[in-house]
């Protein structure tokens, strides 16, 4: 292009050549300006990459301490007492005096069995009693008469002794008649089936007019006393050893006194509003499951829960000298939990950790970290393996404040 400009200058005398000269000069300047602009942009880009600063991220130091951990155990719920209501005499069910699910008091009438046969039995027993009483009176009179005759030497002693024996037999017959009358009276009372305790009625298994008997395979109904609930749950052998060593006391009874109140989680994951107390440990381990059963008692004055409910018992356990990592500083990938550790040269490395449990917003770490390790607290989604960062070390007070804000 420069040679063309020189040739044009050689022909400067031509006006056409002068115009052509100016056009060539303009094109030259445009091309040179473009080349300078591209060179400048390329230089700027390469300069930015070389001068990029490390990413500044908050970093915390792993420490150990005491943490409360909550363990949940499947549980079954039973009332203080569950009683089958069965008839004690046979007969036709005349009346059902309660409804299913009703709350009843001790002694309240529940069922009425046809009492006419038993009333007649009692009347017969009463008549037999009167007859036995009359027979005894005759035997006494006979003894008095023969006693006078023996005293007057009219009769031999043998006849008096026979009269006395007859009197004793009459007394025995009278006692039998009294017992028969009492038995008939009891059977008559059994025709009215009453509640043996306070509680709630279950399903009614018999209908009015049905024939019932003490030998029936099916009870009339069930009665549950649920003013308190017994919640049963099981601990494995290792859990039970930790359970015993955690609480003060020498004997198991003393340790039970130091167990803090426990929470009952219902089937919908909600917590029962009243806490309970662990008050019983079974006498032996189950040979099939290798677990031992414990019982916690919960008040249930309002009757919100019933026998047969299920749930989970949540126990509080204090772990000493454990490593704690905030959940915010972890990431989950393929069922594993990772953190980003920071070495002395401020390079980060992704590392899997083993979790012993969860306490609030923290994980309790059982493997993968040790006391004094540094991990990235926030912004781990921005990191790559081997990346260098500018650590901003957090203090324990700031971590507690962050946890409270959450």
Protein backbone atom coordinates (compact mmCIF):
# COMPACT_ATOMS: atom_id res chain seq x y z
CA UNK A 1 0.00 0.00 0.00
CA UNK A 2 2.90 2.38 0.75
CA UNK A 3 4.40 1.70 -2.73
CA UNK A 4 1.07 2.64 -4.30
CA UNK A 5 1.13 5.91 -2.38
CA UNK A 6 4.65 6.69 -3.67
CA UNK A 7 3.69 5.93 -7.25
CA UNK A 8 0.69 8.20 -6.90
CA UNK A 9 2.93 10.98 -5.57
CA UNK A 10 5.08 10.56 -8.76
CA UNK A 11 2.03 11.41 -10.78
CA UNK A 12 1.04 14.30 -8.55
CA UNK A 13 0.41 16.55 -11.51
CA UNK A 14 -2.84 14.74 -12.31
CA UNK A 15 -5.98 15.89 -10.36
CA UNK A 16 -7.39 12.40 -10.57
CA UNK A 17 -4.25 11.06 -8.96
CA UNK A 18 -4.55 13.58 -6.11
CA UNK A 19 -8.05 12.31 -5.24
CA UNK A 20 -6.85 8.77 -5.44
CA UNK A 21 -3.97 9.67 -3.10
CA UNK A 22 -6.34 10.98 -0.40
CA UNK A 23 -8.54 7.88 -0.61
CA UNK A 24 -5.58 5.60 -0.17
CA UNK A 25 -4.35 7.60 2.84
CA UNK A 26 -7.80 7.33 4.54
CA UNK A 27 -7.93 3.56 4.02
CA UNK A 28 -4.43 3.23 5.45
CA UNK A 29 -5.36 5.13 8.60
CA UNK A 30 -8.53 3.03 9.09
CA UNK A 31 -6.61 -0.25 8.79
CA UNK A 32 -3.91 0.92 11.18
CA UNK A 33 -6.46 2.14 13.72
CA UNK A 34 -8.25 -1.21 13.63
CA UNK A 35 -5.01 -3.08 14.18
CA UNK A 36 -4.15 -0.83 17.13
CA UNK A 37 -7.63 -1.36 18.66
CA UNK A 38 -7.41 -5.16 18.39
CA UNK A 39 -3.91 -5.12 19.87
CA UNK A 40 -5.07 -2.93 22.75
CA UNK A 41 -8.07 -5.20 23.59
CA UNK A 42 -5.88 -8.30 23.49
CA UNK A 43 -3.34 -6.65 25.75
CA UNK A 44 -6.05 -5.61 28.26
CA UNK A 45 -7.57 -9.11 28.41
CA UNK A 46 -4.24 -10.80 29.04
CA UNK A 47 -3.44 -8.22 31.70
CA UNK A 48 -6.70 -8.85 33.59
CA UNK A 49 -6.12 -12.64 33.73
CA UNK A 50 -2.68 -12.19 35.11
CA UNK A 51 -3.76 -9.74 37.81
CA UNK A 52 -6.94 -11.61 39.07
CA UNK A 53 -7.00 -11.68 42.92
CA UNK A 54 -7.78 -14.84 44.99
CA UNK A 55 -11.40 -15.26 46.11
CA UNK A 56 -11.96 -14.00 49.67
CA UNK A 57 -14.12 -16.46 51.67
CA UNK A 58 -14.92 -16.91 55.39
CA UNK A 59 -12.99 -19.78 56.97
CA UNK A 60 -13.51 -21.41 60.38
CA UNK A 61 -11.30 -23.59 62.54
CA UNK A 62 -12.73 -26.91 63.72
CA UNK A 63 -13.00 -27.19 67.50
CA UNK A 64 -14.37 -29.81 69.85
CA UNK A 65 -16.90 -29.37 72.63
CA UNK A 66 -20.02 -30.74 74.32
CA UNK A 67 -23.13 -31.03 72.18
CA UNK A 68 -26.66 -32.30 72.80
CA UNK A 69 -27.80 -34.86 70.30
CA UNK A 70 -31.34 -36.13 69.92
CA UNK A 71 -32.01 -39.78 69.08
CA UNK A 72 -35.44 -41.01 67.98
CA UNK A 73 -36.70 -44.53 68.68
CA UNK A 74 -39.88 -46.14 67.31
CA UNK A 75 -42.48 -46.54 70.05
CA UNK A 76 -45.85 -48.14 70.72
CA UNK A 77 -48.43 -46.44 72.93
CA UNK A 78 -50.64 -48.22 75.43
CA UNK A 79 -53.00 -47.08 78.13
CA UNK A 80 -52.27 -47.66 81.80
CA UNK A 81 -54.70 -50.59 81.66
CA UNK A 82 -56.50 -52.36 78.83
CA UNK A 83 -59.30 -54.66 79.95
CA UNK A 84 -61.53 -57.01 77.99
CA UNK A 85 -65.15 -56.70 79.09
CA UNK A 86 -66.68 -60.19 79.16
CA UNK A 87 -69.97 -61.53 80.57
CA UNK A 88 -69.71 -63.72 83.67
CA UNK A 89 -73.08 -65.39 83.06
CA UNK A 90 -74.69 -66.60 79.88
CA UNK A 91 -77.93 -65.31 78.44
CA UNK A 92 -79.53 -62.98 75.96
CA UNK A 93 -78.09 -59.47 75.63
CA UNK A 94 -81.09 -57.32 76.53
CA UNK A 95 -79.57 -53.85 76.28
CA UNK A 96 -76.34 -52.03 75.35
CA UNK A 97 -76.08 -49.00 77.65
CA UNK A 98 -73.00 -47.24 76.15
CA UNK A 99 -71.73 -46.22 72.75
CA UNK A 100 -68.40 -46.94 71.14
CA UNK A 101 -65.64 -44.55 72.22
CA UNK A 102 -67.63 -43.30 75.22
CA UNK A 103 -65.83 -42.24 78.38
CA UNK A 104 -67.18 -44.18 81.37
CA UNK A 105 -66.67 -44.18 85.12
CA UNK A 106 -65.86 -47.10 87.37
CA UNK A 107 -69.07 -48.98 88.27
CA UNK A 108 -71.10 -47.55 85.38
CA UNK A 109 -73.51 -50.05 83.74
CA UNK A 110 -72.41 -51.06 80.24
CA UNK A 111 -74.56 -54.07 79.22
CA UNK A 112 -77.78 -55.70 80.48
CA UNK A 113 -78.30 -59.48 80.18
CA UNK A 114 -81.77 -61.00 80.52
CA UNK A 115 -82.07 -61.50 84.30
CA UNK A 116 -85.33 -63.47 84.53
CA UNK A 117 -83.71 -66.94 84.75
CA UNK A 118 -81.30 -65.72 87.42
CA UNK A 119 -84.03 -63.97 89.37
CA UNK A 120 -85.96 -67.25 89.48
CA UNK A 121 -82.84 -69.06 90.62
CA UNK A 122 -82.48 -66.60 93.45
CA UNK A 123 -86.15 -67.07 94.44
CA UNK A 124 -85.65 -70.85 94.46
CA UNK A 125 -82.55 -70.49 96.59
CA UNK A 126 -84.44 -68.25 98.99
CA UNK A 127 -87.20 -70.86 99.33
CA UNK A 128 -84.64 -73.57 99.98
CA UNK A 129 -83.14 -71.38 102.67
CA UNK A 130 -86.49 -71.03 104.41
CA UNK A 131 -87.02 -74.80 104.24
CA UNK A 132 -83.58 -75.46 105.68
CA UNK A 133 -84.24 -72.98 108.45
CA UNK A 134 -87.48 -74.74 109.33
CA UNK A 135 -85.78 -78.13 109.33
CA UNK A 136 -83.14 -76.85 111.71
CA UNK A 137 -85.81 -75.53 114.06
CA UNK A 138 -87.53 -78.96 114.12
CA UNK A 139 -84.20 -80.65 114.80
CA UNK A 140 -83.56 -78.35 117.75
CA UNK A 141 -86.99 -79.08 119.23
CA UNK A 142 -86.34 -82.81 118.88
CA UNK A 143 -83.06 -82.48 120.73
CA UNK A 144 -84.72 -80.55 123.58
CA UNK A 145 -87.43 -83.17 123.92
CA UNK A 146 -85.09 -86.13 123.96
CA UNK A 147 -82.76 -84.39 126.35
CA UNK A 148 -85.54 -84.18 128.98
CA UNK A 149 -86.51 -87.79 128.38
CA UNK A 150 -82.93 -88.97 128.79
CA UNK A 151 -82.60 -86.94 131.99
CA UNK A 152 -85.74 -88.67 133.31
CA UNK A 153 -84.31 -92.06 132.37
CA UNK A 154 -87.05 -92.60 129.80
CA UNK A 155 -84.81 -92.82 126.72
CA UNK A 156 -81.33 -94.13 126.18
CA UNK A 157 -78.41 -91.83 125.40
CA UNK A 158 -78.20 -93.31 121.91
CA UNK A 159 -81.49 -91.70 120.85
CA UNK A 160 -80.35 -88.29 122.10
CA UNK A 161 -77.11 -88.57 120.20
CA UNK A 162 -79.09 -89.43 117.04
CA UNK A 163 -81.22 -86.30 117.50
CA UNK A 164 -78.12 -84.13 117.97
CA UNK A 165 -76.62 -85.52 114.74
CA UNK A 166 -79.83 -84.70 112.90
CA UNK A 167 -79.64 -81.14 114.28
CA UNK A 168 -76.07 -80.76 113.01
CA UNK A 169 -77.17 -82.01 109.58
CA UNK A 170 -79.95 -79.41 109.55
CA UNK A 171 -77.40 -76.70 110.37
CA UNK A 172 -75.23 -77.80 107.44
CA UNK A 173 -78.24 -77.78 105.13
CA UNK A 174 -79.00 -74.26 106.25
CA UNK A 175 -75.46 -73.11 105.49
CA UNK A 176 -75.69 -74.69 102.04
CA UNK A 177 -78.97 -72.91 101.42
CA UNK A 178 -77.39 -69.58 102.42
CA UNK A 179 -74.45 -70.20 100.06
CA UNK A 180 -76.79 -71.12 97.22
CA UNK A 181 -78.81 -67.97 97.83
CA UNK A 182 -75.65 -65.81 97.79
CA UNK A 183 -74.46 -67.48 94.56
CA UNK A 184 -77.84 -66.84 92.95
CA UNK A 185 -77.70 -63.22 94.09
CA UNK A 186 -74.20 -62.80 92.59
CA UNK A 187 -75.26 -64.33 89.28
CA UNK A 188 -78.24 -62.01 89.21
CA UNK A 189 -75.86 -59.09 89.72
CA UNK A 190 -73.70 -60.30 86.86
CA UNK A 191 -76.60 -59.74 84.47
CA UNK A 192 -75.69 -56.06 84.67
CA UNK A 193 -72.14 -55.72 83.26
CA UNK A 194 -70.35 -52.75 84.85
CA UNK A 195 -67.10 -50.91 84.12
CA UNK A 196 -64.26 -52.14 86.37
CA UNK A 197 -62.43 -48.79 86.06
CA UNK A 198 -62.53 -45.36 84.43
CA UNK A 199 -61.71 -45.42 80.73
CA UNK A 200 -62.86 -45.36 77.14
CA UNK A 201 -65.04 -47.97 75.46
CA UNK A 202 -63.68 -49.71 72.36
CA UNK A 203 -65.59 -51.40 69.54
CA UNK A 204 -68.84 -53.12 70.48
CA UNK A 205 -68.50 -56.71 69.28
CA UNK A 206 -72.03 -57.93 70.14
CA UNK A 207 -75.44 -56.63 69.12
CA UNK A 208 -78.58 -56.39 71.20
CA UNK A 209 -80.43 -59.73 71.30
CA UNK A 210 -77.29 -61.83 70.82
CA UNK A 211 -76.60 -64.79 73.09
CA UNK A 212 -73.49 -64.23 75.21
CA UNK A 213 -71.45 -66.53 77.41
CA UNK A 214 -68.26 -66.40 79.52
CA UNK A 215 -66.78 -68.97 77.11
CA UNK A 216 -67.18 -66.73 74.04
CA UNK A 217 -63.93 -66.27 72.11
CA UNK A 218 -64.72 -62.61 71.53
CA UNK A 219 -65.21 -60.09 74.34
CA UNK A 220 -68.15 -57.72 74.47
CA UNK A 221 -65.76 -54.76 74.16
CA UNK A 222 -62.46 -53.38 75.44
CA UNK A 223 -62.02 -50.72 78.10
CA UNK A 224 -58.86 -48.61 78.14
CA UNK A 225 -57.64 -46.47 81.01
CA UNK A 226 -55.68 -43.73 79.21
CA UNK A 227 -55.42 -40.98 81.81
CA UNK A 228 -51.72 -41.85 81.54
CA UNK A 229 -49.95 -43.43 78.59
CA UNK A 230 -47.23 -46.04 78.68
CA UNK A 231 -44.93 -45.57 75.70
CA UNK A 232 -42.61 -48.51 75.03
CA UNK A 233 -39.41 -48.27 72.98
CA UNK A 234 -36.27 -50.39 72.60
CA UNK A 235 -32.53 -49.73 72.77
CA UNK A 236 -29.83 -51.88 71.22
CA UNK A 237 -27.01 -53.15 73.42
CA UNK A 238 -24.54 -50.40 72.44
CA UNK A 239 -27.14 -47.67 72.87
CA UNK A 240 -28.10 -49.08 76.25
CA UNK A 241 -24.47 -49.02 77.44
CA UNK A 242 -24.18 -45.36 76.43
CA UNK A 243 -27.57 -44.73 77.99
CA UNK A 244 -26.41 -46.09 81.36
CA UNK A 245 -23.02 -44.35 81.40
CA UNK A 246 -24.44 -40.93 80.56
CA UNK A 247 -26.51 -40.36 83.70
CA UNK A 248 -25.51 -40.03 87.34
CA UNK A 249 -26.19 -42.73 89.89
CA UNK A 250 -24.91 -46.15 90.90
CA UNK A 251 -27.99 -48.30 90.42
CA UNK A 252 -30.27 -48.27 87.41
CA UNK A 253 -33.08 -46.88 89.58
CA UNK A 254 -30.89 -43.92 90.54
CA UNK A 255 -29.95 -43.31 86.92
CA UNK A 256 -33.63 -43.25 85.91
CA UNK A 257 -34.15 -40.37 88.35
CA UNK A 258 -31.56 -38.28 86.47
CA UNK A 259 -32.90 -38.83 82.96
CA UNK A 260 -34.33 -35.53 81.62
CA UNK A 261 -37.92 -35.44 80.32
CA UNK A 262 -38.40 -37.05 76.92
CA UNK A 263 -40.50 -35.97 73.93
CA UNK A 264 -43.07 -38.04 72.06
CA UNK A 265 -43.19 -37.49 68.31
CA UNK A 266 -46.49 -38.50 66.74
CA UNK A 267 -46.99 -40.17 63.38
CA UNK A 268 -47.35 -36.78 61.63
CA UNK A 269 -43.94 -35.70 63.03
CA UNK A 270 -45.56 -33.23 65.44
CA UNK A 271 -44.47 -33.24 69.08
CA UNK A 272 -46.93 -34.23 71.81
CA UNK A 273 -47.36 -31.05 73.90
CA UNK A 274 -46.51 -32.69 77.24
CA UNK A 275 -43.17 -34.32 77.96
CA UNK A 276 -42.89 -37.70 79.68
CA UNK A 277 -40.56 -39.51 82.04
CA UNK A 278 -38.64 -42.75 81.52
CA UNK A 279 -39.58 -44.86 84.54
CA UNK A 280 -38.97 -48.52 83.66
CA UNK A 281 -36.31 -50.73 82.10
CA UNK A 282 -37.13 -54.32 81.22
CA UNK A 283 -35.43 -57.06 83.20
CA UNK A 284 -33.70 -58.68 80.21
CA UNK A 285 -32.77 -58.29 76.55
CA UNK A 286 -34.91 -59.84 73.86
CA UNK A 287 -33.04 -62.88 72.53
CA UNK A 288 -34.45 -62.43 69.02
CA UNK A 289 -33.81 -58.70 68.56
CA UNK A 290 -30.90 -58.13 70.93
CA UNK A 291 -32.70 -55.07 72.32
CA UNK A 292 -34.08 -54.10 75.71
CA UNK A 293 -37.42 -52.37 76.26
CA UNK A 294 -37.86 -49.12 78.17
CA UNK A 295 -41.07 -47.38 79.20
CA UNK A 296 -41.85 -43.68 79.34
CA UNK A 297 -45.04 -42.41 80.98
CA UNK A 298 -46.92 -39.40 79.58
CA UNK A 299 -49.95 -37.63 81.09
CA UNK A 300 -53.07 -37.77 78.91
CA UNK A 301 -55.76 -36.00 80.91
CA UNK A 302 -57.51 -34.66 77.82
CA UNK A 303 -57.61 -38.09 76.17
CA UNK A 304 -55.91 -36.84 73.00
CA UNK A 305 -54.10 -40.14 72.47
CA UNK A 306 -55.47 -43.68 72.60
CA UNK A 307 -54.05 -47.14 73.04
CA UNK A 308 -52.60 -48.42 69.78
CA UNK A 309 -51.16 -45.10 68.61
CA UNK A 310 -47.60 -45.19 67.31
CA UNK A 311 -44.84 -42.64 67.36
CA UNK A 312 -41.22 -42.09 68.31
CA UNK A 313 -39.56 -41.28 71.60
CA UNK A 314 -36.86 -38.59 71.36
CA UNK A 315 -34.03 -38.94 73.88
CA UNK A 316 -31.54 -36.19 74.61
CA UNK A 317 -27.95 -37.38 74.82
CA UNK A 318 -24.95 -35.22 75.76
CA UNK A 319 -21.80 -35.94 73.73
CA UNK A 320 -18.52 -34.73 75.19
CA UNK A 321 -15.47 -33.61 73.16
CA UNK A 322 -17.03 -33.96 69.70
CA UNK A 323 -16.19 -32.09 66.49
CA UNK A 324 -18.94 -29.77 65.28
CA UNK A 325 -19.41 -28.54 61.70
CA UNK A 326 -22.24 -26.19 60.62
CA UNK A 327 -24.50 -27.65 57.95
CA UNK A 328 -23.98 -24.42 56.02
CA UNK A 329 -20.33 -25.38 55.51
CA UNK A 330 -21.17 -28.74 53.91
CA UNK A 331 -22.46 -30.00 50.62
CA UNK A 332 -24.19 -33.30 49.85
CA UNK A 333 -23.33 -35.31 46.75
CA UNK A 334 -24.26 -38.92 45.98
CA UNK A 335 -25.35 -39.63 49.57
CA UNK A 336 -22.05 -38.31 50.92
CA UNK A 337 -21.32 -35.10 52.80
CA UNK A 338 -18.30 -32.98 51.87
CA UNK A 339 -16.46 -29.93 53.19
CA UNK A 340 -13.73 -27.80 51.64
CA UNK A 341 -10.58 -27.82 53.76
CA UNK A 342 -7.97 -25.06 53.56
CA UNK A 343 -4.26 -25.93 53.92
CA UNK A 344 -1.41 -23.69 55.09
CA UNK A 345 -0.88 -22.40 51.53
CA UNK A 346 -4.61 -21.46 51.32
CA UNK A 347 -5.39 -24.13 48.73
CA UNK A 348 -8.79 -25.77 49.09
CA UNK A 349 -9.56 -29.48 48.82
CA UNK A 350 -12.92 -31.23 48.87
CA UNK A 351 -13.06 -33.86 51.61
CA UNK A 352 -15.79 -36.34 52.66
CA UNK A 353 -16.75 -36.50 56.34
CA UNK A 354 -18.56 -39.08 58.47
CA UNK A 355 -21.54 -37.87 60.49
CA UNK A 356 -22.33 -39.16 64.00
CA UNK A 357 -25.54 -37.19 64.32
CA UNK A 358 -27.26 -33.85 64.03
CA UNK A 359 -27.64 -31.15 66.68
CA UNK A 360 -29.75 -28.22 65.56
CA UNK A 361 -28.01 -26.60 62.57
CA UNK A 362 -24.77 -28.51 63.15
CA UNK A 363 -23.35 -31.89 62.24
CA UNK A 364 -21.38 -33.97 64.74
CA UNK A 365 -18.37 -35.34 62.89
CA UNK A 366 -16.98 -38.80 63.60
CA UNK A 367 -14.41 -39.04 60.78
CA UNK A 368 -12.71 -37.03 58.04
CA UNK A 369 -11.67 -34.03 60.16
CA UNK A 370 -9.58 -33.36 63.25
CA UNK A 371 -9.37 -30.56 65.75
CA UNK A 372 -7.59 -27.52 64.30
CA UNK A 373 -8.50 -28.17 60.64
CA UNK A 374 -9.70 -25.17 58.67
CA UNK A 375 -12.76 -25.37 56.42
CA UNK A 376 -14.59 -22.89 54.20
CA UNK A 377 -17.67 -21.65 56.06
CA UNK A 378 -19.60 -20.01 53.19
CA UNK A 379 -19.48 -19.89 49.42
CA UNK A 380 -18.41 -23.46 48.79
CA UNK A 381 -20.56 -23.58 45.66
CA UNK A 382 -18.08 -21.14 44.07
CA UNK A 383 -15.03 -23.33 44.68
CA UNK A 384 -13.09 -25.82 42.59
CA UNK A 385 -10.62 -28.46 43.72
CA UNK A 386 -7.14 -26.98 44.23
CA UNK A 387 -8.28 -23.36 44.02
CA UNK A 388 -6.40 -20.80 46.09
CA UNK A 389 -8.44 -18.43 48.24
CA UNK A 390 -7.93 -15.53 50.60
CA UNK A 391 -9.22 -16.89 53.97
CA UNK A 392 -11.13 -14.61 56.30
CA UNK A 393 -10.90 -16.38 59.66
CA UNK A 394 -14.13 -16.33 61.68
CA UNK A 395 -14.25 -16.17 65.47
CA UNK A 396 -16.40 -18.46 67.60
CA UNK A 397 -18.54 -15.50 68.72
CA UNK A 398 -19.46 -14.61 65.16
CA UNK A 399 -20.43 -18.20 64.43
CA UNK A 400 -22.76 -18.27 67.47
CA UNK A 401 -24.31 -14.96 66.38
CA UNK A 402 -24.91 -16.33 62.87
CA UNK A 403 -26.57 -19.42 64.30
CA UNK A 404 -28.87 -17.29 66.46
CA UNK A 405 -29.96 -15.19 63.47
CA UNK A 406 -30.96 -18.33 61.61
